[in-house]
């Protein structure tokens, strides 16, 4: 049954509307103000632990620019071997987002440093960057760390278990089924705890329930989470 997790259709594109804010209401309002041109800040640095929603926010901002027919780029460091080539290829964009800067090596740190300088001196673009820690705690070049602190710096707070439970129940309600509290509790104890994984598991549970005409229960969830051999 675990194959269902792989068969679920990809989720909707990240947007600011489908971001569950939790303790990040101020950050969400700031991004909305920037996108609505009610605030002129051009440099924003986000930091937080894995699964807190940093990538969602970066991709949501890019999605907004794209929908408005503006030029936006999303670069995820550490996955592609040619990050420096991507940095070098960027000249004039309306929005540049750079994810996981912790993975930059010495060469690519210089590339990002040069991009900061270019956007400050020549461009009008919004530059949104994220990492796992506050700028001063990053193991990066000092001159790049200085650039990261040029504008606004926000910690992205992970949702509490209560907030994740509320988000899961709201998601379940939007799909037309009730999610028992015991299933939420079990999933938070034994499943992957980041929100996209939780929502994907709920979608798989819903599909399994409808396919097999069974109620959503702990035994069903255990079958879904059981490792494949």
Protein backbone atom coordinates (compact mmCIF):
# COMPACT_ATOMS: atom_id res chain seq x y z
CA UNK A 1 0.00 0.00 0.00
CA UNK A 2 2.97 2.32 0.52
CA UNK A 3 3.19 2.65 -3.27
CA UNK A 4 0.13 4.92 -2.95
CA UNK A 5 2.41 7.60 -1.51
CA UNK A 6 4.31 7.57 -4.79
CA UNK A 7 1.18 7.48 -6.94
CA UNK A 8 -0.48 10.58 -5.48
CA UNK A 9 -0.61 13.47 -7.91
CA UNK A 10 1.86 16.27 -7.14
CA UNK A 11 0.48 18.97 -4.82
CA UNK A 12 -0.63 22.36 -6.06
CA UNK A 13 2.19 24.86 -6.68
CA UNK A 14 3.33 26.63 -3.51
CA UNK A 15 1.60 29.97 -2.97
CA UNK A 16 1.40 32.41 -0.10
CA UNK A 17 -2.29 31.50 0.20
CA UNK A 18 -1.62 27.79 0.81
CA UNK A 19 1.23 28.45 3.26
CA UNK A 20 0.11 27.66 6.81
CA UNK A 21 1.56 30.62 8.75
CA UNK A 22 1.60 29.52 12.38
CA UNK A 23 4.01 31.94 14.09
CA UNK A 24 5.10 33.38 10.73
CA UNK A 25 2.26 35.85 10.25
CA UNK A 26 4.55 38.90 10.28
CA UNK A 27 6.84 37.33 7.67
CA UNK A 28 3.90 36.37 5.49
CA UNK A 29 2.49 39.90 5.69
CA UNK A 30 5.90 41.37 4.83
CA UNK A 31 6.22 39.21 1.72
CA UNK A 32 2.67 40.10 0.71
CA UNK A 33 3.51 43.80 1.14
CA UNK A 34 6.64 43.46 -0.99
CA UNK A 35 4.76 41.63 -3.73
CA UNK A 36 2.02 44.25 -3.59
CA UNK A 37 4.64 47.03 -3.82
CA UNK A 38 3.55 48.40 -0.44
CA UNK A 39 7.11 47.87 0.83
CA UNK A 40 10.28 48.65 -1.10
CA UNK A 41 12.74 46.22 0.55
CA UNK A 42 14.73 44.30 -2.09
CA UNK A 43 16.78 41.92 0.06
CA UNK A 44 15.26 39.30 2.37
CA UNK A 45 17.02 36.42 4.12
CA UNK A 46 15.04 33.55 5.66
CA UNK A 47 16.41 30.90 7.97
CA UNK A 48 15.08 27.89 9.83
CA UNK A 49 15.24 24.13 10.22
CA UNK A 50 14.29 21.49 7.69
CA UNK A 51 10.58 21.31 6.97
CA UNK A 52 9.72 24.77 8.31
CA UNK A 53 8.53 26.05 4.92
CA UNK A 54 11.44 28.14 3.61
CA UNK A 55 11.43 26.52 0.16
CA UNK A 56 7.65 26.86 -0.03
CA UNK A 57 7.93 30.61 0.50
CA UNK A 58 10.69 31.06 -2.07
CA UNK A 59 8.76 29.07 -4.67
CA UNK A 60 5.54 30.91 -3.80
CA UNK A 61 7.20 34.25 -4.48
CA UNK A 62 8.53 32.98 -7.81
CA UNK A 63 5.06 31.67 -8.66
CA UNK A 64 3.54 35.10 -7.98
CA UNK A 65 6.06 36.86 -10.21
CA UNK A 66 5.57 34.28 -12.95
CA UNK A 67 1.79 34.63 -12.85
CA UNK A 68 2.25 38.38 -13.24
CA UNK A 69 4.38 37.70 -16.34
CA UNK A 70 7.57 38.89 -14.66
CA UNK A 71 10.96 37.21 -14.87
CA UNK A 72 11.76 35.18 -11.75
CA UNK A 73 14.35 32.49 -11.00
CA UNK A 74 14.55 29.81 -8.31
CA UNK A 75 17.99 28.28 -7.69
CA UNK A 76 18.46 25.41 -5.25
CA UNK A 77 22.05 25.04 -4.15
CA UNK A 78 23.65 21.66 -3.60
CA UNK A 79 21.50 19.74 -6.09
CA UNK A 80 22.79 20.95 -9.44
CA UNK A 81 26.53 20.83 -10.12
CA UNK A 82 26.40 23.99 -12.24
CA UNK A 83 25.07 26.50 -9.72
CA UNK A 84 27.85 28.91 -10.62
CA UNK A 85 26.77 28.75 -14.26
CA UNK A 86 23.23 29.62 -13.19
CA UNK A 87 24.54 32.56 -11.17
CA UNK A 88 26.62 33.76 -14.12
CA UNK A 89 23.70 33.44 -16.53
CA UNK A 90 21.49 35.77 -14.51
CA UNK A 91 21.63 39.34 -15.71
CA UNK A 92 18.34 41.19 -15.36
CA UNK A 93 15.51 39.50 -13.50
CA UNK A 94 12.62 40.85 -11.50
CA UNK A 95 13.04 38.29 -8.72
CA UNK A 96 15.86 35.94 -7.75
CA UNK A 97 15.44 33.29 -5.04
CA UNK A 98 18.33 31.14 -3.79
CA UNK A 99 17.59 28.09 -1.61
CA UNK A 100 19.92 26.18 0.74
CA UNK A 101 22.93 28.48 0.59
CA UNK A 102 24.60 26.34 3.26
CA UNK A 103 25.66 24.05 0.40
CA UNK A 104 27.65 26.69 -1.49
CA UNK A 105 31.36 26.05 -1.89
CA UNK A 106 34.03 28.76 -2.05
CA UNK A 107 33.57 29.34 -5.76
CA UNK A 108 29.77 29.52 -5.69
CA UNK A 109 29.86 31.78 -2.64
CA UNK A 110 31.81 34.26 -4.77
CA UNK A 111 29.17 33.90 -7.48
CA UNK A 112 26.37 34.73 -5.04
CA UNK A 113 28.40 37.60 -3.58
CA UNK A 114 28.75 39.09 -7.05
CA UNK A 115 25.01 38.71 -7.65
CA UNK A 116 24.23 40.65 -4.49
CA UNK A 117 26.49 43.46 -5.63
CA UNK A 118 25.00 43.44 -9.13
CA UNK A 119 21.42 43.65 -7.89
CA UNK A 120 22.28 46.40 -5.44
CA UNK A 121 24.21 48.49 -7.96
CA UNK A 122 22.42 47.80 -11.23
CA UNK A 123 19.10 46.10 -10.69
CA UNK A 124 15.69 46.60 -9.21
CA UNK A 125 15.05 42.93 -8.46
CA UNK A 126 13.83 41.34 -5.27
CA UNK A 127 16.45 38.93 -3.90
CA UNK A 128 15.15 36.29 -1.49
CA UNK A 129 17.69 33.86 0.00
CA UNK A 130 17.41 31.14 2.62
CA UNK A 131 19.64 28.96 4.76
CA UNK A 132 19.52 26.81 7.86
CA UNK A 133 20.80 29.39 10.34
CA UNK A 134 20.98 33.11 10.99
CA UNK A 135 23.66 34.85 8.91
CA UNK A 136 26.21 35.11 11.72
CA UNK A 137 25.99 31.34 12.35
CA UNK A 138 26.63 30.32 8.73
CA UNK A 139 30.00 28.89 7.73
CA UNK A 140 30.35 31.23 4.76
CA UNK A 141 32.63 34.03 3.61
CA UNK A 142 32.40 37.07 5.86
CA UNK A 143 31.71 39.41 2.96
CA UNK A 144 28.80 37.19 1.84
CA UNK A 145 27.46 37.03 5.40
CA UNK A 146 27.47 40.84 5.40
CA UNK A 147 25.39 40.83 2.22
CA UNK A 148 22.89 38.41 3.77
CA UNK A 149 22.23 40.95 6.51
CA UNK A 150 21.71 43.88 4.14
CA UNK A 151 17.93 43.69 4.23
CA UNK A 152 15.29 41.94 6.29
CA UNK A 153 16.17 38.77 8.20
CA UNK A 154 13.42 36.44 9.37
CA UNK A 155 13.43 33.11 11.14
CA UNK A 156 10.83 30.77 9.68
CA UNK A 157 9.27 28.93 12.61
CA UNK A 158 8.15 25.34 12.21
CA UNK A 159 4.53 24.66 13.02
CA UNK A 160 3.74 23.24 16.44
CA UNK A 161 2.08 19.83 16.65
CA UNK A 162 -1.22 21.57 17.40
CA UNK A 163 -0.86 23.74 14.30
CA UNK A 164 0.08 20.73 12.16
CA UNK A 165 -2.96 18.88 13.48
CA UNK A 166 -5.19 21.83 12.61
CA UNK A 167 -3.64 22.02 9.13
CA UNK A 168 -4.16 18.28 8.58
CA UNK A 169 -7.79 18.41 9.69
CA UNK A 170 -8.44 21.43 7.45
CA UNK A 171 -6.84 19.60 4.51
CA UNK A 172 -8.94 16.51 5.21
CA UNK A 173 -12.11 18.62 5.41
CA UNK A 174 -11.26 20.20 2.04
CA UNK A 175 -11.15 16.68 0.57
CA UNK A 176 -14.47 15.76 2.19
CA UNK A 177 -13.51 13.45 5.03
CA UNK A 178 -13.11 13.66 8.80
CA UNK A 179 -9.67 12.94 10.19
CA UNK A 180 -9.69 11.24 13.62
CA UNK A 181 -7.47 12.84 16.26
CA UNK A 182 -5.81 9.48 16.97
CA UNK A 183 -4.68 9.28 13.33
CA UNK A 184 -3.17 12.78 13.57
CA UNK A 185 -1.35 11.83 16.77
CA UNK A 186 -0.01 8.59 15.30
CA UNK A 187 1.16 10.29 12.13
CA UNK A 188 3.02 12.97 14.06
CA UNK A 189 4.75 10.30 16.16
CA UNK A 190 5.64 7.84 13.41
CA UNK A 191 5.49 9.61 10.03
CA UNK A 192 7.56 12.28 8.35
CA UNK A 193 6.69 15.48 10.18
CA UNK A 194 7.13 18.12 7.47
CA UNK A 195 3.84 19.49 6.19
CA UNK A 196 4.16 18.39 2.52
CA UNK A 197 4.81 14.78 3.63
CA UNK A 198 1.90 14.89 6.06
CA UNK A 199 -0.45 16.17 3.36
CA UNK A 200 0.76 13.56 0.87
CA UNK A 201 0.07 10.85 3.44
CA UNK A 202 -3.45 12.20 4.00
CA UNK A 203 -4.08 12.15 0.25
CA UNK A 204 -2.91 8.53 0.12
CA UNK A 205 -5.14 7.63 3.07
CA UNK A 206 -8.11 9.26 1.36
CA UNK A 207 -7.43 7.36 -1.87
CA UNK A 208 -7.05 4.07 -0.03
CA UNK A 209 -10.23 4.67 1.97
CA UNK A 210 -12.27 5.43 -1.14
CA UNK A 211 -10.76 2.59 -3.17
CA UNK A 212 -11.25 -0.09 -0.50
CA UNK A 213 -14.41 1.38 1.02
CA UNK A 214 -12.77 1.41 4.45
CA UNK A 215 -12.74 3.97 7.21
CA UNK A 216 -9.48 5.77 7.91
CA UNK A 217 -7.99 4.05 10.94
CA UNK A 218 -4.65 3.46 12.66
CA UNK A 219 -4.30 -0.03 11.06
CA UNK A 220 -4.76 1.54 7.61
CA UNK A 221 -2.14 4.18 8.42
CA UNK A 222 0.26 1.48 9.65
CA UNK A 223 -0.13 -0.38 6.36
CA UNK A 224 0.57 2.81 4.45
CA UNK A 225 3.69 3.64 6.45
CA UNK A 226 5.01 0.06 6.50
CA UNK A 227 8.42 -0.01 4.76
CA UNK A 228 8.50 -1.85 1.47
CA UNK A 229 10.81 -4.84 1.21
